[in-house]
Amino acid sequence: MSNFTHLDASGNPSMVDVGEKTATKRMARARAILVLGDEIMDRLEKEEIHTKKGPVFQTAIIAGVMAAKKTGELIPLCHPVGMDNCQIQIHVNDQREVVIDCTASVTAKTGIEMEALTGASMAALTVYDMCKAFSHDIVIKEIKLMEKTGGKRDFKRE
């Protein structure tokens, strides 16, 4: 259990003390992929879907950024981070899947990958919520960290 940073020596939950760390420039990009089913994809290929709640992708972008900003409130023991930037891009790939990328950055002692993952996750959930009126044949296929820089070590998924 000693390798888990959020557990103390007794195995109890503990916030990581970042007080002595040096602030560094950090960036993370997370990706969510949704499979919406043929009925919804046929609608999307014609034009952006508008529901009573608004345009689907534009609303998902706003929801993702809002969620990323609240990550420290949503995930226990996660430090609140004042992001420098958060951008969400949404597109449909060649397999007719909706791809959501959330890129977040900050200069801080910790963080930014959880913010990127939270932003991508909430954007995906928003697309689901707004499209379920057309069909429940929707799958959030995956949510994963694509890359991060800054901090102890960098990471990049191919």
N, C-alpha and C. Protein backbone atom coordinates (compact mmCIF):
# COMPACT_ATOMS: atom_id res chain seq x y z
N MET A 1 0.81 -1.20 0.00
CA MET A 1 0.00 0.00 0.00
C MET A 1 0.86 1.26 0.00
N SER A 2 2.12 1.16 0.37
CA SER A 2 2.96 2.35 0.51
C SER A 2 3.20 3.06 -0.82
N ASN A 3 2.95 2.39 -1.96
CA ASN A 3 3.15 3.02 -3.26
C ASN A 3 2.00 3.94 -3.66
N PHE A 4 0.87 3.83 -2.99
CA PHE A 4 -0.27 4.69 -3.29
C PHE A 4 -0.08 6.04 -2.61
N THR A 5 -0.01 7.09 -3.41
CA THR A 5 0.30 8.41 -2.84
C THR A 5 -0.82 8.99 -1.99
N HIS A 6 -2.04 8.51 -2.14
CA HIS A 6 -3.16 9.07 -1.39
C HIS A 6 -3.54 8.24 -0.16
N LEU A 7 -2.60 7.39 0.29
CA LEU A 7 -2.81 6.63 1.52
C LEU A 7 -1.65 6.91 2.46
N ASP A 8 -1.97 7.07 3.75
CA ASP A 8 -0.90 7.27 4.72
C ASP A 8 -0.33 5.92 5.14
N ALA A 9 0.59 5.93 6.08
CA ALA A 9 1.26 4.70 6.51
C ALA A 9 0.29 3.67 7.09
N SER A 10 -0.84 4.13 7.60
CA SER A 10 -1.85 3.23 8.16
C SER A 10 -2.87 2.77 7.13
N GLY A 11 -2.75 3.25 5.90
CA GLY A 11 -3.69 2.88 4.85
C GLY A 11 -4.92 3.76 4.77
N ASN A 12 -4.91 4.87 5.51
CA ASN A 12 -6.04 5.80 5.50
C ASN A 12 -5.88 6.83 4.38
N PRO A 13 -7.00 7.33 3.85
CA PRO A 13 -6.91 8.35 2.81
C PRO A 13 -6.17 9.58 3.31
N SER A 14 -5.34 10.14 2.45
CA SER A 14 -4.54 11.29 2.83
C SER A 14 -4.25 12.14 1.59
N MET A 15 -4.43 13.44 1.71
CA MET A 15 -4.10 14.34 0.61
C MET A 15 -2.58 14.44 0.52
N VAL A 16 -2.07 14.44 -0.70
CA VAL A 16 -0.63 14.56 -0.91
C VAL A 16 -0.20 15.98 -0.57
N ASP A 17 0.85 16.12 0.21
CA ASP A 17 1.40 17.43 0.56
C ASP A 17 2.31 17.89 -0.56
N VAL A 18 1.91 18.94 -1.27
CA VAL A 18 2.71 19.45 -2.38
C VAL A 18 3.40 20.76 -2.00
N GLY A 19 3.40 21.09 -0.73
CA GLY A 19 3.94 22.36 -0.27
C GLY A 19 5.39 22.62 -0.63
N GLU A 20 6.22 21.59 -0.67
CA GLU A 20 7.64 21.75 -0.96
C GLU A 20 7.98 21.60 -2.44
N LYS A 21 7.00 21.24 -3.25
CA LYS A 21 7.26 21.04 -4.68
C LYS A 21 7.43 22.38 -5.38
N THR A 22 8.12 22.35 -6.51
CA THR A 22 8.31 23.54 -7.34
C THR A 22 7.24 23.57 -8.41
N ALA A 23 6.68 24.73 -8.64
CA ALA A 23 5.68 24.87 -9.70
C ALA A 23 6.35 24.70 -11.06
N THR A 24 5.70 23.92 -11.93
CA THR A 24 6.19 23.71 -13.29
C THR A 24 5.03 23.90 -14.26
N LYS A 25 5.35 24.15 -15.51
CA LYS A 25 4.35 24.22 -16.57
C LYS A 25 3.89 22.80 -16.85
N ARG A 26 2.58 22.58 -16.80
CA ARG A 26 2.00 21.25 -16.98
C ARG A 26 0.91 21.29 -18.03
N MET A 27 0.84 20.24 -18.84
CA MET A 27 -0.20 20.13 -19.85
C MET A 27 -0.65 18.68 -19.88
N ALA A 28 -1.95 18.48 -20.09
CA ALA A 28 -2.48 17.12 -20.25
C ALA A 28 -3.59 17.14 -21.29
N ARG A 29 -3.66 16.04 -22.05
CA ARG A 29 -4.74 15.88 -23.03
C ARG A 29 -5.38 14.52 -22.80
N ALA A 30 -6.70 14.54 -22.62
CA ALA A 30 -7.46 13.32 -22.42
C ALA A 30 -8.46 13.18 -23.56
N ARG A 31 -8.85 11.94 -23.82
CA ARG A 31 -9.76 11.67 -24.93
C ARG A 31 -10.90 10.76 -24.46
N ALA A 32 -12.10 11.09 -24.92
CA ALA A 32 -13.28 10.23 -24.74
C ALA A 32 -13.79 9.89 -26.14
N ILE A 33 -14.23 8.64 -26.31
CA ILE A 33 -14.77 8.21 -27.59
C ILE A 33 -16.17 7.64 -27.35
N LEU A 34 -17.13 8.14 -28.13
CA LEU A 34 -18.50 7.68 -28.04
C LEU A 34 -18.93 7.02 -29.35
N VAL A 35 -19.72 5.99 -29.20
CA VAL A 35 -20.39 5.37 -30.34
C VAL A 35 -21.87 5.71 -30.17
N LEU A 36 -22.41 6.48 -31.11
CA LEU A 36 -23.77 6.99 -30.96
C LEU A 36 -24.83 6.15 -31.67
N GLY A 37 -24.44 5.22 -32.48
CA GLY A 37 -25.42 4.43 -33.21
C GLY A 37 -25.80 5.11 -34.51
N ASP A 38 -26.33 4.32 -35.42
CA ASP A 38 -26.62 4.82 -36.77
C ASP A 38 -27.65 5.94 -36.81
N GLU A 39 -28.71 5.82 -36.02
CA GLU A 39 -29.76 6.84 -36.07
C GLU A 39 -29.22 8.23 -35.74
N ILE A 40 -28.45 8.33 -34.67
CA ILE A 40 -27.90 9.63 -34.27
C ILE A 40 -26.81 10.08 -35.25
N MET A 41 -25.96 9.15 -35.68
CA MET A 41 -24.89 9.53 -36.61
C MET A 41 -25.45 10.01 -37.94
N ASP A 42 -26.54 9.42 -38.39
CA ASP A 42 -27.17 9.89 -39.62
C ASP A 42 -27.61 11.34 -39.46
N ARG A 43 -28.15 11.67 -38.32
CA ARG A 43 -28.56 13.06 -38.05
C ARG A 43 -27.34 13.98 -38.02
N LEU A 44 -26.27 13.52 -37.36
CA LEU A 44 -25.07 14.35 -37.25
C LEU A 44 -24.41 14.61 -38.60
N GLU A 45 -24.46 13.62 -39.49
CA GLU A 45 -23.83 13.81 -40.79
C GLU A 45 -24.54 14.88 -41.62
N LYS A 46 -25.81 15.10 -41.33
CA LYS A 46 -26.57 16.13 -42.04
C LYS A 46 -26.24 17.53 -41.50
N GLU A 47 -26.16 17.64 -40.17
CA GLU A 47 -25.86 18.91 -39.52
C GLU A 47 -25.72 18.70 -38.01
N GLU A 48 -25.23 19.72 -37.33
CA GLU A 48 -25.13 19.68 -35.86
C GLU A 48 -26.52 19.46 -35.29
N ILE A 49 -26.63 18.52 -34.36
CA ILE A 49 -27.92 18.25 -33.74
C ILE A 49 -28.24 19.35 -32.74
N HIS A 50 -29.44 19.88 -32.84
CA HIS A 50 -29.94 20.86 -31.88
C HIS A 50 -31.09 20.21 -31.12
N THR A 51 -31.02 20.27 -29.79
CA THR A 51 -32.11 19.76 -28.97
C THR A 51 -32.71 20.94 -28.22
N LYS A 52 -33.69 20.64 -27.38
CA LYS A 52 -34.29 21.71 -26.56
C LYS A 52 -33.24 22.33 -25.63
N LYS A 53 -32.18 21.58 -25.33
CA LYS A 53 -31.10 22.07 -24.47
C LYS A 53 -30.06 22.87 -25.24
N GLY A 54 -30.11 22.84 -26.58
CA GLY A 54 -29.16 23.59 -27.38
C GLY A 54 -28.40 22.69 -28.35
N PRO A 55 -27.39 23.25 -29.03
CA PRO A 55 -26.59 22.45 -29.96
C PRO A 55 -25.71 21.47 -29.17
N VAL A 56 -25.72 20.21 -29.57
CA VAL A 56 -25.09 19.14 -28.79
C VAL A 56 -23.60 19.38 -28.56
N PHE A 57 -22.82 19.51 -29.62
CA PHE A 57 -21.37 19.60 -29.44
C PHE A 57 -20.97 20.89 -28.74
N GLN A 58 -21.60 22.00 -29.07
CA GLN A 58 -21.25 23.27 -28.42
C GLN A 58 -21.57 23.22 -26.93
N THR A 59 -22.70 22.61 -26.57
CA THR A 59 -23.07 22.48 -25.16
C THR A 59 -22.09 21.55 -24.44
N ALA A 60 -21.67 20.48 -25.10
CA ALA A 60 -20.71 19.54 -24.51
C ALA A 60 -19.37 20.22 -24.24
N ILE A 61 -18.96 21.10 -25.13
CA ILE A 61 -17.70 21.83 -24.94
C ILE A 61 -17.78 22.68 -23.68
N ILE A 62 -18.87 23.40 -23.52
CA ILE A 62 -19.03 24.25 -22.33
C ILE A 62 -19.07 23.39 -21.07
N ALA A 63 -19.82 22.28 -21.10
CA ALA A 63 -19.91 21.39 -19.93
C ALA A 63 -18.54 20.82 -19.56
N GLY A 64 -17.75 20.45 -20.56
CA GLY A 64 -16.43 19.89 -20.30
C GLY A 64 -15.50 20.88 -19.63
N VAL A 65 -15.50 22.11 -20.12
CA VAL A 65 -14.65 23.14 -19.51
C VAL A 65 -15.11 23.44 -18.09
N MET A 66 -16.43 23.55 -17.90
CA MET A 66 -16.95 23.81 -16.55
C MET A 66 -16.57 22.70 -15.58
N ALA A 67 -16.66 21.46 -16.02
CA ALA A 67 -16.32 20.33 -15.15
C ALA A 67 -14.83 20.31 -14.83
N ALA A 68 -13.99 20.57 -15.83
CA ALA A 68 -12.54 20.58 -15.60
C ALA A 68 -12.20 21.61 -14.52
N LYS A 69 -12.87 22.75 -14.54
CA LYS A 69 -12.62 23.79 -13.54
C LYS A 69 -13.03 23.37 -12.14
N LYS A 70 -13.91 22.37 -12.02
CA LYS A 70 -14.40 21.92 -10.72
C LYS A 70 -13.81 20.58 -10.27
N THR A 71 -12.78 20.12 -10.93
CA THR A 71 -12.22 18.80 -10.64
C THR A 71 -11.88 18.63 -9.16
N GLY A 72 -11.26 19.62 -8.56
CA GLY A 72 -10.88 19.54 -7.14
C GLY A 72 -12.08 19.38 -6.22
N GLU A 73 -13.27 19.78 -6.66
CA GLU A 73 -14.49 19.61 -5.87
C GLU A 73 -15.13 18.25 -6.10
N LEU A 74 -14.85 17.64 -7.25
CA LEU A 74 -15.51 16.40 -7.63
C LEU A 74 -14.76 15.14 -7.22
N ILE A 75 -13.43 15.19 -7.22
CA ILE A 75 -12.62 14.01 -6.94
C ILE A 75 -11.98 14.16 -5.55
N PRO A 76 -12.31 13.25 -4.63
CA PRO A 76 -11.75 13.35 -3.28
C PRO A 76 -10.22 13.39 -3.31
N LEU A 77 -9.65 14.23 -2.48
CA LEU A 77 -8.20 14.39 -2.29
C LEU A 77 -7.49 15.02 -3.48
N CYS A 78 -8.20 15.41 -4.51
CA CYS A 78 -7.60 16.07 -5.67
C CYS A 78 -7.43 17.55 -5.34
N HIS A 79 -6.24 18.08 -5.56
CA HIS A 79 -5.98 19.48 -5.26
C HIS A 79 -6.76 20.39 -6.20
N PRO A 80 -7.30 21.49 -5.70
CA PRO A 80 -7.91 22.46 -6.61
C PRO A 80 -6.81 23.15 -7.41
N VAL A 81 -6.99 23.21 -8.72
CA VAL A 81 -5.98 23.79 -9.60
C VAL A 81 -6.62 24.91 -10.40
N GLY A 82 -6.00 26.09 -10.37
CA GLY A 82 -6.47 27.20 -11.19
C GLY A 82 -5.89 27.07 -12.59
N MET A 83 -6.64 26.50 -13.50
CA MET A 83 -6.13 26.23 -14.84
C MET A 83 -5.78 27.51 -15.58
N ASP A 84 -4.72 27.43 -16.38
CA ASP A 84 -4.37 28.53 -17.28
C ASP A 84 -5.20 28.47 -18.55
N ASN A 85 -5.53 27.25 -18.98
CA ASN A 85 -6.27 27.08 -20.22
C ASN A 85 -6.95 25.72 -20.23
N CYS A 86 -8.07 25.64 -20.92
CA CYS A 86 -8.77 24.37 -21.13
C CYS A 86 -9.51 24.48 -22.46
N GLN A 87 -9.19 23.58 -23.37
CA GLN A 87 -9.81 23.57 -24.69
C GLN A 87 -10.38 22.19 -24.98
N ILE A 88 -11.57 22.17 -25.57
CA ILE A 88 -12.18 20.90 -25.95
C ILE A 88 -12.49 20.93 -27.43
N GLN A 89 -12.05 19.88 -28.12
CA GLN A 89 -12.33 19.72 -29.54
C GLN A 89 -13.15 18.44 -29.72
N ILE A 90 -14.14 18.52 -30.60
CA ILE A 90 -14.99 17.36 -30.87
C ILE A 90 -15.05 17.16 -32.38
N HIS A 91 -14.84 15.90 -32.80
CA HIS A 91 -14.99 15.58 -34.22
C HIS A 91 -15.47 14.13 -34.36
N VAL A 92 -15.92 13.81 -35.55
CA VAL A 92 -16.33 12.45 -35.88
C VAL A 92 -15.21 11.82 -36.70
N ASN A 93 -14.76 10.62 -36.26
CA ASN A 93 -13.65 9.97 -36.97
C ASN A 93 -14.15 9.08 -38.11
N ASP A 94 -13.24 8.40 -38.78
CA ASP A 94 -13.58 7.55 -39.92
C ASP A 94 -14.45 6.35 -39.55
N GLN A 95 -14.45 5.96 -38.29
CA GLN A 95 -15.28 4.85 -37.82
C GLN A 95 -16.66 5.31 -37.34
N ARG A 96 -16.98 6.57 -37.62
CA ARG A 96 -18.25 7.18 -37.20
C ARG A 96 -18.39 7.20 -35.68
N GLU A 97 -17.27 7.45 -35.01
CA GLU A 97 -17.27 7.63 -33.56
C GLU A 97 -17.07 9.11 -33.27
N VAL A 98 -17.63 9.57 -32.17
CA VAL A 98 -17.41 10.94 -31.74
C VAL A 98 -16.18 10.96 -30.84
N VAL A 99 -15.19 11.76 -31.21
CA VAL A 99 -13.94 11.86 -30.47
C VAL A 99 -13.90 13.21 -29.78
N ILE A 100 -13.72 13.17 -28.47
CA ILE A 100 -13.64 14.40 -27.66
C ILE A 100 -12.25 14.47 -27.06
N ASP A 101 -11.53 15.54 -27.36
CA ASP A 101 -10.21 15.78 -26.76
C ASP A 101 -10.30 17.00 -25.86
N CYS A 102 -9.83 16.83 -24.62
CA CYS A 102 -9.75 17.94 -23.68
C CYS A 102 -8.29 18.17 -23.35
N THR A 103 -7.80 19.38 -23.65
CA THR A 103 -6.42 19.75 -23.36
C THR A 103 -6.44 20.86 -22.32
N ALA A 104 -5.74 20.63 -21.22
CA ALA A 104 -5.71 21.59 -20.13
C ALA A 104 -4.26 21.89 -19.77
N SER A 105 -4.02 23.11 -19.30
CA SER A 105 -2.66 23.47 -18.89
C SER A 105 -2.69 24.37 -17.66
N VAL A 106 -1.57 24.35 -16.95
CA VAL A 106 -1.43 25.14 -15.73
C VAL A 106 0.06 25.22 -15.38
N THR A 107 0.43 26.25 -14.68
CA THR A 107 1.74 26.31 -14.03
C THR A 107 1.44 26.16 -12.55
N ALA A 108 1.83 25.00 -11.98
CA ALA A 108 1.47 24.70 -10.60
C ALA A 108 2.38 23.61 -10.04
N LYS A 109 2.19 23.29 -8.76
CA LYS A 109 2.98 22.27 -8.08
C LYS A 109 2.45 20.86 -8.34
N THR A 110 1.24 20.77 -8.80
CA THR A 110 0.62 19.46 -9.07
C THR A 110 -0.48 19.65 -10.09
N GLY A 111 -0.90 18.53 -10.63
CA GLY A 111 -2.13 18.54 -11.40
C GLY A 111 -2.03 18.64 -12.89
N ILE A 112 -3.06 18.54 -13.49
CA ILE A 112 -3.74 18.89 -14.71
C ILE A 112 -4.25 17.67 -15.44
N GLU A 113 -3.72 16.45 -15.18
CA GLU A 113 -4.27 15.31 -15.90
C GLU A 113 -5.68 14.97 -15.44
N MET A 114 -5.97 15.11 -14.16
CA MET A 114 -7.33 14.83 -13.69
C MET A 114 -8.32 15.85 -14.26
N GLU A 115 -7.86 17.08 -14.43
CA GLU A 115 -8.73 18.11 -15.02
C GLU A 115 -9.06 17.76 -16.47
N ALA A 116 -8.06 17.32 -17.23
CA ALA A 116 -8.29 16.94 -18.63
C ALA A 116 -9.22 15.73 -18.71
N LEU A 117 -9.00 14.73 -17.86
CA LEU A 117 -9.86 13.55 -17.84
C LEU A 117 -11.29 13.90 -17.44
N THR A 118 -11.44 14.78 -16.48
CA THR A 118 -12.77 15.20 -16.04
C THR A 118 -13.48 15.97 -17.15
N GLY A 119 -12.76 16.86 -17.82
CA GLY A 119 -13.36 17.62 -18.91
C GLY A 119 -13.84 16.73 -20.05
N ALA A 120 -13.01 15.78 -20.46
CA ALA A 120 -13.40 14.86 -21.53
C ALA A 120 -14.58 14.00 -21.10
N SER A 121 -14.56 13.54 -19.86
CA SER A 121 -15.65 12.70 -19.34
C SER A 121 -16.98 13.44 -19.32
N MET A 122 -16.97 14.65 -18.81
CA MET A 122 -18.22 15.40 -18.71
C MET A 122 -18.73 15.81 -20.08
N ALA A 123 -17.85 16.13 -21.00
CA ALA A 123 -18.28 16.44 -22.36
C ALA A 123 -18.96 15.21 -22.97
N ALA A 124 -18.39 14.03 -22.76
CA ALA A 124 -18.98 12.79 -23.28
C ALA A 124 -20.34 12.53 -22.64
N LEU A 125 -20.44 12.71 -21.34
CA LEU A 125 -21.72 12.51 -20.66
C LEU A 125 -22.77 13.50 -21.16
N THR A 126 -22.35 14.70 -21.49
CA THR A 126 -23.28 15.70 -22.00
C THR A 126 -23.80 15.31 -23.38
N VAL A 127 -22.91 14.81 -24.24
CA VAL A 127 -23.36 14.32 -25.55
C VAL A 127 -24.37 13.19 -25.35
N TYR A 128 -24.07 12.27 -24.45
CA TYR A 128 -25.00 11.17 -24.15
C TYR A 128 -26.35 11.73 -23.71
N ASP A 129 -26.33 12.63 -22.74
CA ASP A 129 -27.57 13.20 -22.19
C ASP A 129 -28.40 13.87 -23.27
N MET A 130 -27.76 14.61 -24.14
CA MET A 130 -28.49 15.37 -25.15
C MET A 130 -28.97 14.50 -26.30
N CYS A 131 -28.33 13.36 -26.54
CA CYS A 131 -28.72 12.49 -27.66
C CYS A 131 -29.64 11.35 -27.26
N LYS A 132 -29.79 11.10 -25.98
CA LYS A 132 -30.59 9.95 -25.56
C LYS A 132 -32.06 10.07 -25.95
N ALA A 133 -32.53 11.28 -26.23
CA ALA A 133 -33.91 11.45 -26.70
C ALA A 133 -34.11 10.82 -28.07
N PHE A 134 -33.04 10.71 -28.86
CA PHE A 134 -33.12 10.11 -30.20
C PHE A 134 -32.94 8.60 -30.14
N SER A 135 -32.08 8.14 -29.25
CA SER A 135 -31.79 6.71 -29.13
C SER A 135 -30.95 6.47 -27.88
N HIS A 136 -31.17 5.31 -27.25
CA HIS A 136 -30.31 4.92 -26.12
C HIS A 136 -29.18 4.00 -26.58
N ASP A 137 -29.04 3.83 -27.87
CA ASP A 137 -27.96 3.02 -28.44
C ASP A 137 -26.69 3.86 -28.48
N ILE A 138 -26.21 4.24 -27.30
CA ILE A 138 -25.04 5.11 -27.15
C ILE A 138 -24.08 4.42 -26.19
N VAL A 139 -22.81 4.40 -26.56
CA VAL A 139 -21.79 3.80 -25.68
C VAL A 139 -20.64 4.80 -25.54
N ILE A 140 -20.28 5.11 -24.30
CA ILE A 140 -19.04 5.83 -24.07
C ILE A 140 -17.97 4.74 -24.03
N LYS A 141 -17.27 4.64 -25.15
CA LYS A 141 -16.38 3.50 -25.40
C LYS A 141 -15.13 3.55 -24.54
N GLU A 142 -14.53 4.71 -24.41
CA GLU A 142 -13.31 4.81 -23.60
C GLU A 142 -13.04 6.25 -23.22
N ILE A 143 -12.35 6.37 -22.11
CA ILE A 143 -11.85 7.66 -21.64
C ILE A 143 -10.42 7.38 -21.20
N LYS A 144 -9.46 8.12 -21.77
CA LYS A 144 -8.07 7.83 -21.42
C LYS A 144 -7.20 9.07 -21.54
N LEU A 145 -6.12 9.05 -20.77
CA LEU A 145 -5.11 10.08 -20.87
C LEU A 145 -4.30 9.82 -22.13
N MET A 146 -4.14 10.83 -22.96
CA MET A 146 -3.36 10.70 -24.19
C MET A 146 -1.93 11.16 -23.99
N GLU A 147 -1.77 12.26 -23.25
CA GLU A 147 -0.42 12.75 -22.99
C GLU A 147 -0.44 13.71 -21.81
N LYS A 148 0.73 13.83 -21.19
CA LYS A 148 0.92 14.84 -20.14
C LYS A 148 2.39 15.23 -20.11
N THR A 149 2.63 16.49 -19.82
CA THR A 149 3.99 16.99 -19.66
C THR A 149 4.05 17.79 -18.37
N GLY A 150 5.25 17.88 -17.82
CA GLY A 150 5.45 18.60 -16.57
C GLY A 150 5.36 17.65 -15.38
N GLY A 151 5.84 18.07 -14.25
CA GLY A 151 5.83 17.21 -13.08
C GLY A 151 6.98 16.21 -13.13
N LYS A 152 6.82 15.08 -12.42
CA LYS A 152 7.88 14.07 -12.31
C LYS A 152 8.24 13.43 -13.64
N ARG A 153 7.22 13.09 -14.43
CA ARG A 153 7.50 12.38 -15.69
C ARG A 153 6.44 12.73 -16.73
N ASP A 154 6.89 12.71 -17.96
CA ASP A 154 5.98 12.94 -19.08
C ASP A 154 5.41 11.60 -19.53
N PHE A 155 4.29 11.68 -20.26
CA PHE A 155 3.62 10.48 -20.76
C PHE A 155 3.02 10.80 -22.10
N LYS A 156 3.08 9.86 -23.04
CA LYS A 156 2.44 10.05 -24.33
C LYS A 156 1.99 8.69 -24.85
N ARG A 157 0.71 8.62 -25.19
CA ARG A 157 0.11 7.40 -25.75
C ARG A 157 0.07 7.56 -27.26
N GLU A 158 0.44 6.54 -27.97
CA GLU A 158 0.41 6.59 -29.44
C GLU A 158 -0.97 6.28 -29.95
